[in-house]
Amino acid sequence: MHLVYPVALGSLLFSVGIYGVLARRNAVLILMSIEIMLNAVNINLVAFNAWLRDPLMGGQIFALFVITVAAAEVGVGLAIVLLIFRNRETVDLDHLRELSDVQPVRTPRAAAAPEEASVR
């Protein structure tokens, strides 16, 4: 098996994923680009495993671990994106630059002040 073809495909996919992370502003598209980069890593792991003829199948085992981590990352990432969408009504990352643009709720102290004055 030629090693050049899967490595070229993996590097092309990884480059597309990097471009997607750097150029996109939508959080869901950024998560998809990260998944593309992880799939490029999986292609390289399996290709090098086949090329080296590893009897322990280390590359394929690592690829399974990467798939597991990617599934967990998608679950947590989408949960965070959904919570951000519920609170801010957007998933555009340009609008999410500040962590706290929601003003804190203040209780009126004017109503509590006369009661404290009458107790004393």
PDB file of N, CA and C in Angstrom:
ATOM      1  N   MET A   1       0.840  -1.186   0.000  1.00  0.00           N
ATOM      2  CA  MET A   1       0.000   0.000   0.000  1.00  0.00           C
ATOM      3  C   MET A   1       0.881   1.243   0.000  1.00  0.00           C
ATOM      4  N   HIS A   2       0.531   2.185  -0.839  1.00  0.00           N
ATOM      5  CA  HIS A   2       1.273   3.431  -0.883  1.00  0.00           C
ATOM      6  C   HIS A   2       0.825   4.306   0.282  1.00  0.00           C
ATOM      7  N   LEU A   3       1.782   4.900   0.938  1.00  0.00           N
ATOM      8  CA  LEU A   3       1.478   5.733   2.099  1.00  0.00           C
ATOM      9  C   LEU A   3       1.135   7.161   1.692  1.00  0.00           C
ATOM     10  N   VAL A   4       1.520   7.549   0.494  1.00  0.00           N
ATOM     11  CA  VAL A   4       1.359   8.936   0.071  1.00  0.00           C
ATOM     12  C   VAL A   4      -0.110   9.326  -0.048  1.00  0.00           C
ATOM     13  N   TYR A   5      -0.941   8.438  -0.578  1.00  0.00           N
ATOM     14  CA  TYR A   5      -2.342   8.788  -0.832  1.00  0.00           C
ATOM     15  C   TYR A   5      -3.135   9.054   0.449  1.00  0.00           C
ATOM     16  N   PRO A   6      -3.098   8.173   1.447  1.00  0.00           N
ATOM     17  CA  PRO A   6      -3.846   8.488   2.671  1.00  0.00           C
ATOM     18  C   PRO A   6      -3.278   9.675   3.437  1.00  0.00           C
ATOM     19  N   VAL A   7      -1.966   9.844   3.406  1.00  0.00           N
ATOM     20  CA  VAL A   7      -1.365  10.990   4.105  1.00  0.00           C
ATOM     21  C   VAL A   7      -1.743  12.290   3.399  1.00  0.00           C
ATOM     22  N   ALA A   8      -1.774  12.275   2.079  1.00  0.00           N
ATOM     23  CA  ALA A   8      -2.200  13.476   1.347  1.00  0.00           C
ATOM     24  C   ALA A   8      -3.673  13.786   1.624  1.00  0.00           C
ATOM     25  N   LEU A   9      -4.519  12.746   1.646  1.00  0.00           N
ATOM     26  CA  LEU A   9      -5.923  12.956   1.969  1.00  0.00           C
ATOM     27  C   LEU A   9      -6.092  13.480   3.394  1.00  0.00           C
ATOM     28  N   GLY A  10      -5.334  12.919   4.340  1.00  0.00           N
ATOM     29  CA  GLY A  10      -5.397  13.388   5.726  1.00  0.00           C
ATOM     30  C   GLY A  10      -4.936  14.828   5.867  1.00  0.00           C
ATOM     31  N   SER A  11      -3.872  15.193   5.166  1.00  0.00           N
ATOM     32  CA  SER A  11      -3.393  16.574   5.265  1.00  0.00           C
ATOM     33  C   SER A  11      -4.369  17.544   4.598  1.00  0.00           C
ATOM     34  N   LEU A  12      -5.007  17.117   3.508  1.00  0.00           N
ATOM     35  CA  LEU A  12      -6.013  17.955   2.866  1.00  0.00           C
ATOM     36  C   LEU A  12      -7.217  18.161   3.784  1.00  0.00           C
ATOM     37  N   LEU A  13      -7.697  17.092   4.394  1.00  0.00           N
ATOM     38  CA  LEU A  13      -8.819  17.213   5.328  1.00  0.00           C
ATOM     39  C   LEU A  13      -8.455  18.074   6.535  1.00  0.00           C
ATOM     40  N   PHE A  14      -7.247  17.897   7.042  1.00  0.00           N
ATOM     41  CA  PHE A  14      -6.820  18.695   8.194  1.00  0.00           C
ATOM     42  C   PHE A  14      -6.737  20.168   7.819  1.00  0.00           C
ATOM     43  N   SER A  15      -6.259  20.457   6.609  1.00  0.00           N
ATOM     44  CA  SER A  15      -6.184  21.849   6.156  1.00  0.00           C
ATOM     45  C   SER A  15      -7.573  22.458   6.009  1.00  0.00           C
ATOM     46  N   VAL A  16      -8.515  21.684   5.480  1.00  0.00           N
ATOM     47  CA  VAL A  16      -9.900  22.171   5.370  1.00  0.00           C
ATOM     48  C   VAL A  16     -10.476  22.439   6.760  1.00  0.00           C
ATOM     49  N   GLY A  17     -10.168  21.569   7.713  1.00  0.00           N
ATOM     50  CA  GLY A  17     -10.637  21.770   9.080  1.00  0.00           C
ATOM     51  C   GLY A  17     -10.037  23.011   9.727  1.00  0.00           C
ATOM     52  N   ILE A  18      -8.745  23.236   9.520  1.00  0.00           N
ATOM     53  CA  ILE A  18      -8.105  24.447  10.058  1.00  0.00           C
ATOM     54  C   ILE A  18      -8.724  25.690   9.448  1.00  0.00           C
ATOM     55  N   TYR A  19      -8.964  25.668   8.149  1.00  0.00           N
ATOM     56  CA  TYR A  19      -9.603  26.806   7.493  1.00  0.00           C
ATOM     57  C   TYR A  19     -10.998  27.042   8.072  1.00  0.00           C
ATOM     58  N   GLY A  20     -11.735  25.965   8.311  1.00  0.00           N
ATOM     59  CA  GLY A  20     -13.074  26.107   8.873  1.00  0.00           C
ATOM     60  C   GLY A  20     -13.065  26.691  10.272  1.00  0.00           C
ATOM     61  N   VAL A  21     -12.089  26.303  11.076  1.00  0.00           N
ATOM     62  CA  VAL A  21     -12.000  26.856  12.439  1.00  0.00           C
ATOM     63  C   VAL A  21     -11.620  28.330  12.400  1.00  0.00           C
ATOM     64  N   LEU A  22     -10.711  28.701  11.530  1.00  0.00           N
ATOM     65  CA  LEU A  22     -10.227  30.080  11.498  1.00  0.00           C
ATOM     66  C   LEU A  22     -11.165  31.035  10.769  1.00  0.00           C
ATOM     67  N   ALA A  23     -11.901  30.553   9.781  1.00  0.00           N
ATOM     68  CA  ALA A  23     -12.692  31.450   8.947  1.00  0.00           C
ATOM     69  C   ALA A  23     -14.150  31.560   9.372  1.00  0.00           C
ATOM     70  N   ARG A  24     -14.676  30.570  10.045  1.00  0.00           N
ATOM     71  CA  ARG A  24     -16.100  30.562  10.380  1.00  0.00           C
ATOM     72  C   ARG A  24     -16.361  31.298  11.675  1.00  0.00           C
ATOM     73  N   ARG A  25     -17.573  31.805  11.815  1.00  0.00           N
ATOM     74  CA  ARG A  25     -17.996  32.490  13.027  1.00  0.00           C
ATOM     75  C   ARG A  25     -19.164  31.782  13.708  1.00  0.00           C
ATOM     76  N   ASN A  26     -19.708  30.767  13.055  1.00  0.00           N
ATOM     77  CA  ASN A  26     -20.804  30.008  13.627  1.00  0.00           C
ATOM     78  C   ASN A  26     -20.229  28.877  14.476  1.00  0.00           C
ATOM     79  N   ALA A  27     -20.711  28.725  15.698  1.00  0.00           N
ATOM     80  CA  ALA A  27     -20.147  27.749  16.622  1.00  0.00           C
ATOM     81  C   ALA A  27     -20.379  26.318  16.149  1.00  0.00           C
ATOM     82  N   VAL A  28     -21.498  26.051  15.511  1.00  0.00           N
ATOM     83  CA  VAL A  28     -21.779  24.701  15.028  1.00  0.00           C
ATOM     84  C   VAL A  28     -20.831  24.340  13.885  1.00  0.00           C
ATOM     85  N   LEU A  29     -20.555  25.280  12.998  1.00  0.00           N
ATOM     86  CA  LEU A  29     -19.623  25.015  11.902  1.00  0.00           C
ATOM     87  C   LEU A  29     -18.199  24.831  12.414  1.00  0.00           C
ATOM     88  N   ILE A  30     -17.842  25.505  13.473  1.00  0.00           N
ATOM     89  CA  ILE A  30     -16.518  25.316  14.068  1.00  0.00           C
ATOM     90  C   ILE A  30     -16.412  23.923  14.673  1.00  0.00           C
ATOM     91  N   LEU A  31     -17.479  23.444  15.328  1.00  0.00           N
ATOM     92  CA  LEU A  31     -17.478  22.076  15.847  1.00  0.00           C
ATOM     93  C   LEU A  31     -17.357  21.055  14.713  1.00  0.00           C
ATOM     94  N   MET A  32     -18.011  21.325  13.595  1.00  0.00           N
ATOM     95  CA  MET A  32     -17.896  20.426  12.446  1.00  0.00           C
ATOM     96  C   MET A  32     -16.479  20.423  11.881  1.00  0.00           C
ATOM     97  N   SER A  33     -15.830  21.571  11.891  1.00  0.00           N
ATOM     98  CA  SER A  33     -14.456  21.650  11.394  1.00  0.00           C
ATOM     99  C   SER A  33     -13.501  20.893  12.309  1.00  0.00           C
ATOM    100  N   ILE A  34     -13.741  20.941  13.597  1.00  0.00           N
ATOM    101  CA  ILE A  34     -12.918  20.172  14.535  1.00  0.00           C
ATOM    102  C   ILE A  34     -13.103  18.676  14.291  1.00  0.00           C
ATOM    103  N   GLU A  35     -14.321  18.254  13.992  1.00  0.00           N
ATOM    104  CA  GLU A  35     -14.571  16.848  13.670  1.00  0.00           C
ATOM    105  C   GLU A  35     -13.844  16.441  12.395  1.00  0.00           C
ATOM    106  N   ILE A  36     -13.783  17.317  11.414  1.00  0.00           N
ATOM    107  CA  ILE A  36     -13.047  17.017  10.183  1.00  0.00           C
ATOM    108  C   ILE A  36     -11.561  16.838  10.491  1.00  0.00           C
ATOM    109  N   MET A  37     -11.019  17.673  11.365  1.00  0.00           N
ATOM    110  CA  MET A  37      -9.607  17.537  11.728  1.00  0.00           C
ATOM    111  C   MET A  37      -9.363  16.222  12.466  1.00  0.00           C
ATOM    112  N   LEU A  38     -10.280  15.829  13.343  1.00  0.00           N
ATOM    113  CA  LEU A  38     -10.112  14.558  14.054  1.00  0.00           C
ATOM    114  C   LEU A  38     -10.208  13.372  13.096  1.00  0.00           C
ATOM    115  N   ASN A  39     -11.061  13.461  12.081  1.00  0.00           N
ATOM    116  CA  ASN A  39     -11.137  12.397  11.085  1.00  0.00           C
ATOM    117  C   ASN A  39      -9.865  12.317  10.250  1.00  0.00           C
ATOM    118  N   ALA A  40      -9.233  13.452   9.995  1.00  0.00           N
ATOM    119  CA  ALA A  40      -7.949  13.443   9.280  1.00  0.00           C
ATOM    120  C   ALA A  40      -6.873  12.734  10.109  1.00  0.00           C
ATOM    121  N   VAL A  41      -6.895  12.964  11.401  1.00  0.00           N
ATOM    122  CA  VAL A  41      -5.951  12.261  12.283  1.00  0.00           C
ATOM    123  C   VAL A  41      -6.219  10.765  12.266  1.00  0.00           C
ATOM    124  N   ASN A  42      -7.486  10.375  12.268  1.00  0.00           N
ATOM    125  CA  ASN A  42      -7.826   8.947  12.220  1.00  0.00           C
ATOM    126  C   ASN A  42      -7.343   8.295  10.931  1.00  0.00           C
ATOM    127  N   ILE A  43      -7.474   8.995   9.819  1.00  0.00           N
ATOM    128  CA  ILE A  43      -6.987   8.450   8.546  1.00  0.00           C
ATOM    129  C   ILE A  43      -5.481   8.225   8.617  1.00  0.00           C
ATOM    130  N   ASN A  44      -4.747   9.175   9.166  1.00  0.00           N
ATOM    131  CA  ASN A  44      -3.296   9.008   9.276  1.00  0.00           C
ATOM    132  C   ASN A  44      -2.924   7.889  10.236  1.00  0.00           C
ATOM    133  N   LEU A  45      -3.643   7.753  11.345  1.00  0.00           N
ATOM    134  CA  LEU A  45      -3.338   6.676  12.287  1.00  0.00           C
ATOM    135  C   LEU A  45      -3.534   5.308  11.649  1.00  0.00           C
ATOM    136  N   VAL A  46      -4.624   5.121  10.950  1.00  0.00           N
ATOM    137  CA  VAL A  46      -4.890   3.829  10.316  1.00  0.00           C
ATOM    138  C   VAL A  46      -3.928   3.588   9.155  1.00  0.00           C
ATOM    139  N   ALA A  47      -3.584   4.619   8.408  1.00  0.00           N
ATOM    140  CA  ALA A  47      -2.655   4.453   7.281  1.00  0.00           C
ATOM    141  C   ALA A  47      -1.261   4.056   7.777  1.00  0.00           C
ATOM    142  N   PHE A  48      -0.775   4.710   8.809  1.00  0.00           N
ATOM    143  CA  PHE A  48       0.547   4.344   9.334  1.00  0.00           C
ATOM    144  C   PHE A  48       0.520   2.979   9.994  1.00  0.00           C
ATOM    145  N   ASN A  49      -0.600   2.610  10.587  1.00  0.00           N
ATOM    146  CA  ASN A  49      -0.712   1.271  11.156  1.00  0.00           C
ATOM    147  C   ASN A  49      -0.622   0.207  10.066  1.00  0.00           C
ATOM    148  N   ALA A  50      -1.298   0.437   8.941  1.00  0.00           N
ATOM    149  CA  ALA A  50      -1.243  -0.523   7.838  1.00  0.00           C
ATOM    150  C   ALA A  50       0.137  -0.539   7.177  1.00  0.00           C
ATOM    151  N   TRP A  51       0.764   0.625   7.077  1.00  0.00           N
ATOM    152  CA  TRP A  51       2.070   0.697   6.422  1.00  0.00           C
ATOM    153  C   TRP A  51       3.158   0.027   7.258  1.00  0.00           C
ATOM    154  N   LEU A  52       3.092   0.194   8.581  1.00  0.00           N
ATOM    155  CA  LEU A  52       4.092  -0.402   9.460  1.00  0.00           C
ATOM    156  C   LEU A  52       3.799  -1.863   9.790  1.00  0.00           C
ATOM    157  N   ARG A  53       2.607  -2.340   9.435  1.00  0.00           N
ATOM    158  CA  ARG A  53       2.175  -3.716   9.720  1.00  0.00           C
ATOM    159  C   ARG A  53       2.348  -4.039  11.201  1.00  0.00           C
ATOM    160  N   ASP A  54       1.768  -3.193  12.022  1.00  0.00           N
ATOM    161  CA  ASP A  54       1.871  -3.342  13.471  1.00  0.00           C
ATOM    162  C   ASP A  54       1.021  -4.532  13.924  1.00  0.00           C
ATOM    163  N   PRO A  55       1.629  -5.522  14.579  1.00  0.00           N
ATOM    164  CA  PRO A  55       0.829  -6.680  15.007  1.00  0.00           C
ATOM    165  C   PRO A  55      -0.129  -6.349  16.163  1.00  0.00           C
ATOM    166  N   LEU A  56       0.145  -5.316  16.912  1.00  0.00           N
ATOM    167  CA  LEU A  56      -0.722  -4.938  18.028  1.00  0.00           C
ATOM    168  C   LEU A  56      -1.863  -4.014  17.617  1.00  0.00           C
ATOM    169  N   MET A  57      -1.875  -3.581  16.353  1.00  0.00           N
ATOM    170  CA  MET A  57      -2.913  -2.681  15.833  1.00  0.00           C
ATOM    171  C   MET A  57      -3.019  -1.399  16.660  1.00  0.00           C
ATOM    172  N   GLY A  58      -1.891  -0.814  16.994  1.00  0.00           N
ATOM    173  CA  GLY A  58      -1.859   0.395  17.814  1.00  0.00           C
ATOM    174  C   GLY A  58      -2.537   1.584  17.173  1.00  0.00           C
ATOM    175  N   GLY A  59      -2.352   1.754  15.880  1.00  0.00           N
ATOM    176  CA  GLY A  59      -2.966   2.886  15.183  1.00  0.00           C
ATOM    177  C   GLY A  59      -4.479   2.790  15.169  1.00  0.00           C
ATOM    178  N   GLN A  60      -4.998   1.586  14.972  1.00  0.00           N
ATOM    179  CA  GLN A  60      -6.442   1.413  14.958  1.00  0.00           C
ATOM    180  C   GLN A  60      -7.037   1.580  16.351  1.00  0.00           C
ATOM    181  N   ILE A  61      -6.313   1.149  17.367  1.00  0.00           N
ATOM    182  CA  ILE A  61      -6.794   1.334  18.746  1.00  0.00           C
ATOM    183  C   ILE A  61      -6.811   2.810  19.100  1.00  0.00           C
ATOM    184  N   PHE A  62      -5.760   3.527  18.719  1.00  0.00           N
ATOM    185  CA  PHE A  62      -5.753   4.970  18.955  1.00  0.00           C
ATOM    186  C   PHE A  62      -6.870   5.666  18.182  1.00  0.00           C
ATOM    187  N   ALA A  63      -7.157   5.190  16.976  1.00  0.00           N
ATOM    188  CA  ALA A  63      -8.251   5.771  16.195  1.00  0.00           C
ATOM    189  C   ALA A  63      -9.591   5.558  16.903  1.00  0.00           C
ATOM    190  N   LEU A  64      -9.786   4.402  17.521  1.00  0.00           N
ATOM    191  CA  LEU A  64     -11.010   4.177  18.295  1.00  0.00           C
ATOM    192  C   LEU A  64     -11.100   5.118  19.489  1.00  0.00           C
ATOM    193  N   PHE A  65      -9.973   5.365  20.146  1.00  0.00           N
ATOM    194  CA  PHE A  65      -9.969   6.321  21.256  1.00  0.00           C
ATOM    195  C   PHE A  65     -10.300   7.732  20.765  1.00  0.00           C
ATOM    196  N   VAL A  66      -9.767   8.105  19.616  1.00  0.00           N
ATOM    197  CA  VAL A  66     -10.053   9.429  19.065  1.00  0.00           C
ATOM    198  C   VAL A  66     -11.534   9.546  18.710  1.00  0.00           C
ATOM    199  N   ILE A  67     -12.119   8.486  18.169  1.00  0.00           N
ATOM    200  CA  ILE A  67     -13.542   8.498  17.846  1.00  0.00           C
ATOM    201  C   ILE A  67     -14.369   8.660  19.120  1.00  0.00           C
ATOM    202  N   THR A  68     -13.965   7.982  20.188  1.00  0.00           N
ATOM    203  CA  THR A  68     -14.682   8.088  21.466  1.00  0.00           C
ATOM    204  C   THR A  68     -14.596   9.499  22.025  1.00  0.00           C
ATOM    205  N   VAL A  69     -13.406  10.072  21.994  1.00  0.00           N
ATOM    206  CA  VAL A  69     -13.236  11.445  22.486  1.00  0.00           C
ATOM    207  C   VAL A  69     -14.010  12.430  21.613  1.00  0.00           C
ATOM    208  N   ALA A  70     -14.040  12.182  20.307  1.00  0.00           N
ATOM    209  CA  ALA A  70     -14.781  13.062  19.404  1.00  0.00           C
ATOM    210  C   ALA A  70     -16.278  13.009  19.688  1.00  0.00           C
ATOM    211  N   ALA A  71     -16.790  11.833  20.003  1.00  0.00           N
ATOM    212  CA  ALA A  71     -18.216  11.718  20.324  1.00  0.00           C
ATOM    213  C   ALA A  71     -18.539  12.467  21.609  1.00  0.00           C
ATOM    214  N   ALA A  72     -17.672  12.357  22.600  1.00  0.00           N
ATOM    215  CA  ALA A  72     -17.891  13.107  23.846  1.00  0.00           C
ATOM    216  C   ALA A  72     -17.781  14.604  23.608  1.00  0.00           C
ATOM    217  N   GLU A  73     -16.841  15.000  22.768  1.00  0.00           N
ATOM    218  CA  GLU A  73     -16.667  16.425  22.460  1.00  0.00           C
ATOM    219  C   GLU A  73     -17.885  16.994  21.749  1.00  0.00           C
ATOM    220  N   VAL A  74     -18.474  16.219  20.859  1.00  0.00           N
ATOM    221  CA  VAL A  74     -19.672  16.681  20.159  1.00  0.00           C
ATOM    222  C   VAL A  74     -20.825  16.846  21.134  1.00  0.00           C
ATOM    223  N   GLY A  75     -20.989  15.890  22.027  1.00  0.00           N
ATOM    224  CA  GLY A  75     -22.071  15.991  23.003  1.00  0.00           C
ATOM    225  C   GLY A  75     -21.949  17.198  23.902  1.00  0.00           C
ATOM    226  N   VAL A  76     -20.767  17.407  24.455  1.00  0.00           N
ATOM    227  CA  VAL A  76     -20.551  18.555  25.337  1.00  0.00           C
ATOM    228  C   VAL A  76     -20.599  19.859  24.549  1.00  0.00           C
ATOM    229  N   GLY A  77     -19.992  19.879  23.373  1.00  0.00           N
ATOM    230  CA  GLY A  77     -19.976  21.098  22.561  1.00  0.00           C
ATOM    231  C   GLY A  77     -21.364  21.532  22.130  1.00  0.00           C
ATOM    232  N   LEU A  78     -22.181  20.584  21.686  1.00  0.00           N
ATOM    233  CA  LEU A  78     -23.538  20.941  21.283  1.00  0.00           C
ATOM    234  C   LEU A  78     -24.389  21.371  22.466  1.00  0.00           C
ATOM    235  N   ALA A  79     -24.155  20.773  23.634  1.00  0.00           N
ATOM    236  CA  ALA A  79     -24.886  21.212  24.824  1.00  0.00           C
ATOM    237  C   ALA A  79     -24.527  22.657  25.171  1.00  0.00           C
ATOM    238  N   ILE A  80     -23.261  23.005  25.074  1.00  0.00           N
ATOM    239  CA  ILE A  80     -22.837  24.381  25.347  1.00  0.00           C
ATOM    240  C   ILE A  80     -23.423  25.334  24.318  1.00  0.00           C
ATOM    241  N   VAL A  81     -23.405  24.930  23.047  1.00  0.00           N
ATOM    242  CA  VAL A  81     -23.958  25.793  21.993  1.00  0.00           C
ATOM    243  C   VAL A  81     -25.456  26.007  22.210  1.00  0.00           C
ATOM    244  N   LEU A  82     -26.183  24.958  22.588  1.00  0.00           N
ATOM    245  CA  LEU A  82     -27.618  25.103  22.840  1.00  0.00           C
ATOM    246  C   LEU A  82     -27.894  26.024  24.020  1.00  0.00           C
ATOM    247  N   LEU A  83     -27.090  25.921  25.073  1.00  0.00           N
ATOM    248  CA  LEU A  83     -27.276  26.825  26.213  1.00  0.00           C
ATOM    249  C   LEU A  83     -26.958  28.266  25.845  1.00  0.00           C
ATOM    250  N   ILE A  84     -25.937  28.474  25.047  1.00  0.00           N
ATOM    251  CA  ILE A  84     -25.617  29.831  24.599  1.00  0.00           C
ATOM    252  C   ILE A  84     -26.749  30.369  23.735  1.00  0.00           C
ATOM    253  N   PHE A  85     -27.304  29.519  22.863  1.00  0.00           N
ATOM    254  CA  PHE A  85     -28.399  29.971  22.012  1.00  0.00           C
ATOM    255  C   PHE A  85     -29.641  30.313  22.831  1.00  0.00           C
ATOM    256  N   ARG A  86     -29.902  29.552  23.871  1.00  0.00           N
ATOM    257  CA  ARG A  86     -31.055  29.858  24.726  1.00  0.00           C
ATOM    258  C   ARG A  86     -30.880  31.187  25.453  1.00  0.00           C
ATOM    259  N   ASN A  87     -29.678  31.456  25.909  1.00  0.00           N
ATOM    260  CA  ASN A  87     -29.445  32.679  26.688  1.00  0.00           C
ATOM    261  C   ASN A  87     -29.237  33.905  25.810  1.00  0.00           C
ATOM    262  N   ARG A  88     -28.509  33.769  24.722  1.00  0.00           N
ATOM    263  CA  ARG A  88     -28.141  34.928  23.901  1.00  0.00           C
ATOM    264  C   ARG A  88     -28.885  35.006  22.586  1.00  0.00           C
ATOM    265  N   GLU A  89     -29.567  33.946  22.175  1.00  0.00           N
ATOM    266  CA  GLU A  89     -30.320  33.853  20.934  1.00  0.00           C
ATOM    267  C   GLU A  89     -29.459  34.027  19.687  1.00  0.00           C
ATOM    268  N   THR A  90     -28.210  33.627  19.776  1.00  0.00           N
ATOM    269  CA  THR A  90     -27.312  33.612  18.629  1.00  0.00           C
ATOM    270  C   THR A  90     -26.184  32.620  18.895  1.00  0.00           C
ATOM    271  N   VAL A  91     -25.643  32.056  17.819  1.00  0.00           N
ATOM    272  CA  VAL A  91     -24.456  31.222  17.931  1.00  0.00           C
ATOM    273  C   VAL A  91     -23.303  31.848  17.155  1.00  0.00           C
ATOM    274  N   ASP A  92     -23.461  33.095  16.769  1.00  0.00           N
ATOM    275  CA  ASP A  92     -22.407  33.831  16.080  1.00  0.00           C
ATOM    276  C   ASP A  92     -21.346  34.229  17.100  1.00  0.00           C
ATOM    277  N   LEU A  93     -20.112  33.806  16.864  1.00  0.00           N
ATOM    278  CA  LEU A  93     -19.066  34.035  17.858  1.00  0.00           C
ATOM    279  C   LEU A  93     -18.627  35.487  17.946  1.00  0.00           C
ATOM    280  N   ASP A  94     -18.928  36.292  16.922  1.00  0.00           N
ATOM    281  CA  ASP A  94     -18.594  37.718  17.013  1.00  0.00           C
ATOM    282  C   ASP A  94     -19.444  38.421  18.063  1.00  0.00           C
ATOM    283  N   HIS A  95     -20.651  37.932  18.277  1.00  0.00           N
ATOM    284  CA  HIS A  95     -21.535  38.544  19.272  1.00  0.00           C
ATOM    285  C   HIS A  95     -21.289  38.000  20.674  1.00  0.00           C
ATOM    286  N   LEU A  96     -20.403  37.036  20.816  1.00  0.00           N
ATOM    287  CA  LEU A  96     -20.152  36.402  22.109  1.00  0.00           C
ATOM    288  C   LEU A  96     -18.766  36.730  22.640  1.00  0.00           C
ATOM    289  N   ARG A  97     -18.277  37.908  22.358  1.00  0.00           N
ATOM    290  CA  ARG A  97     -16.933  38.269  22.797  1.00  0.00           C
ATOM    291  C   ARG A  97     -16.843  38.488  24.299  1.00  0.00           C
ATOM    292  N   GLU A  98     -17.851  39.096  24.876  1.00  0.00           N
ATOM    293  CA  GLU A  98     -17.830  39.348  26.316  1.00  0.00           C
ATOM    294  C   GLU A  98     -18.562  38.231  27.028  1.00  0.00           C
ATOM    295  N   LEU A  99     -18.039  37.853  28.185  1.00  0.00           N
ATOM    296  CA  LEU A  99     -18.664  36.761  28.908  1.00  0.00           C
ATOM    297  C   LEU A  99     -19.932  37.198  29.625  1.00  0.00           C
ATOM    298  N   SER A 100     -19.989  38.444  30.053  1.00  0.00           N
ATOM    299  CA  SER A 100     -21.156  38.865  30.830  1.00  0.00           C
ATOM    300  C   SER A 100     -21.690  40.184  30.296  1.00  0.00           C
ATOM    301  N   ASP A 101     -22.491  40.121  29.255  1.00  0.00           N
ATOM    302  CA  ASP A 101     -23.135  41.347  28.797  1.00  0.00           C
ATOM    303  C   ASP A 101     -24.570  41.428  29.321  1.00  0.00           C
ATOM    304  N   VAL A 102     -24.928  40.514  30.222  1.00  0.00           N
ATOM    305  CA  VAL A 102     -26.224  40.562  30.882  1.00  0.00           C
ATOM    306  C   VAL A 102     -26.046  41.324  32.188  1.00  0.00           C
ATOM    307  N   GLN A 103     -26.855  42.330  32.404  1.00  0.00           N
ATOM    308  CA  GLN A 103     -26.734  43.146  33.603  1.00  0.00           C
ATOM    309  C   GLN A 103     -27.239  42.370  34.816  1.00  0.00           C
ATOM    310  N   PRO A 104     -26.575  42.505  35.966  1.00  0.00           N
ATOM    311  CA  PRO A 104     -27.034  41.788  37.154  1.00  0.00           C
ATOM    312  C   PRO A 104     -28.366  42.349  37.654  1.00  0.00           C
ATOM    313  N   VAL A 105     -29.150  41.474  38.233  1.00  0.00           N
ATOM    314  CA  VAL A 105     -30.449  41.866  38.764  1.00  0.00           C
ATOM    315  C   VAL A 105     -30.228  42.514  40.122  1.00  0.00           C
ATOM    316  N   ARG A 106     -30.778  43.714  40.295  1.00  0.00           N
ATOM    317  CA  ARG A 106     -30.611  44.438  41.561  1.00  0.00           C
ATOM    318  C   ARG A 106     -31.953  44.500  42.273  1.00  0.00           C
ATOM    319  N   THR A 107     -31.938  44.167  43.537  1.00  0.00           N
ATOM    320  CA  THR A 107     -33.165  44.275  44.321  1.00  0.00           C
ATOM    321  C   THR A 107     -33.300  45.706  44.812  1.00  0.00           C
ATOM    322  N   PRO A 108     -34.496  46.231  44.799  1.00  0.00           N
ATOM    323  CA  PRO A 108     -34.672  47.612  45.269  1.00  0.00           C
ATOM    324  C   PRO A 108     -34.463  47.700  46.780  1.00  0.00           C
ATOM    325  N   ARG A 109     -33.513  48.531  47.181  1.00  0.00           N
ATOM    326  CA  ARG A 109     -33.217  48.698  48.601  1.00  0.00           C
ATOM    327  C   ARG A 109     -34.041  49.828  49.212  1.00  0.00           C
ATOM    328  N   ALA A 110     -34.680  50.615  48.373  1.00  0.00           N
ATOM    329  CA  ALA A 110     -35.473  51.730  48.892  1.00  0.00           C
ATOM    330  C   ALA A 110     -36.666  51.215  49.694  1.00  0.00           C
ATOM    331  N   ALA A 111     -37.237  50.100  49.283  1.00  0.00           N
ATOM    332  CA  ALA A 111     -38.379  49.548  50.007  1.00  0.00           C
ATOM    333  C   ALA A 111     -37.947  48.921  51.324  1.00  0.00           C
ATOM    334  N   ALA A 112     -36.742  48.402  51.390  1.00  0.00           N
ATOM    335  CA  ALA A 112     -36.273  47.767  52.618  1.00  0.00           C
ATOM    336  C   ALA A 112     -35.737  48.786  53.612  1.00  0.00           C
ATOM    337  N   ALA A 113     -35.337  49.950  53.162  1.00  0.00           N
ATOM    338  CA  ALA A 113     -34.738  50.947  54.059  1.00  0.00           C
ATOM    339  C   ALA A 113     -35.707  51.481  55.113  1.00  0.00           C
ATOM    340  N   PRO A 114     -36.972  51.817  54.812  1.00  0.00           N
ATOM    341  CA  PRO A 114     -37.851  52.332  55.860  1.00  0.00           C
ATOM    342  C   PRO A 114     -38.140  51.292  56.942  1.00  0.00           C
ATOM    343  N   GLU A 115     -38.168  50.009  56.615  1.00  0.00           N
ATOM    344  CA  GLU A 115     -38.418  49.000  57.630  1.00  0.00           C
ATOM    345  C   GLU A 115     -37.239  48.906  58.585  1.00  0.00           C
ATOM    346  N   GLU A 116     -36.027  49.008  58.045  1.00  0.00           N
ATOM    347  CA  GLU A 116     -34.868  48.957  58.905  1.00  0.00           C
ATOM    348  C   GLU A 116     -34.807  50.202  59.790  1.00  0.00           C
ATOM    349  N   ALA A 117     -35.234  51.343  59.283  1.00  0.00           N
ATOM    350  CA  ALA A 117     -35.196  52.573  60.074  1.00  0.00           C
ATOM    351  C   ALA A 117     -36.247  52.523  61.197  1.00  0.00           C
ATOM    352  N   SER A 118     -37.396  51.900  60.964  1.00  0.00           N
ATOM    353  CA  SER A 118     -38.417  51.868  61.988  1.00  0.00           C
ATOM    354  C   SER A 118     -38.084  50.854  63.072  1.00  0.00           C
ATOM    355  N   VAL A 119     -37.297  49.835  62.767  1.00  0.00           N
ATOM    356  CA  VAL A 119     -36.923  48.843  63.778  1.00  0.00           C
ATOM    357  C   VAL A 119     -35.941  49.435  64.759  1.00  0.00           C
ATOM    358  N   ARG A 120     -35.072  50.275  64.299  1.00  0.00           N
ATOM    359  CA  ARG A 120     -34.046  50.847  65.170  1.00  0.00           C
ATOM    360  C   ARG A 120     -34.687  51.910  65.986  1.00  0.00           C
TER     361      ARG A 120
END
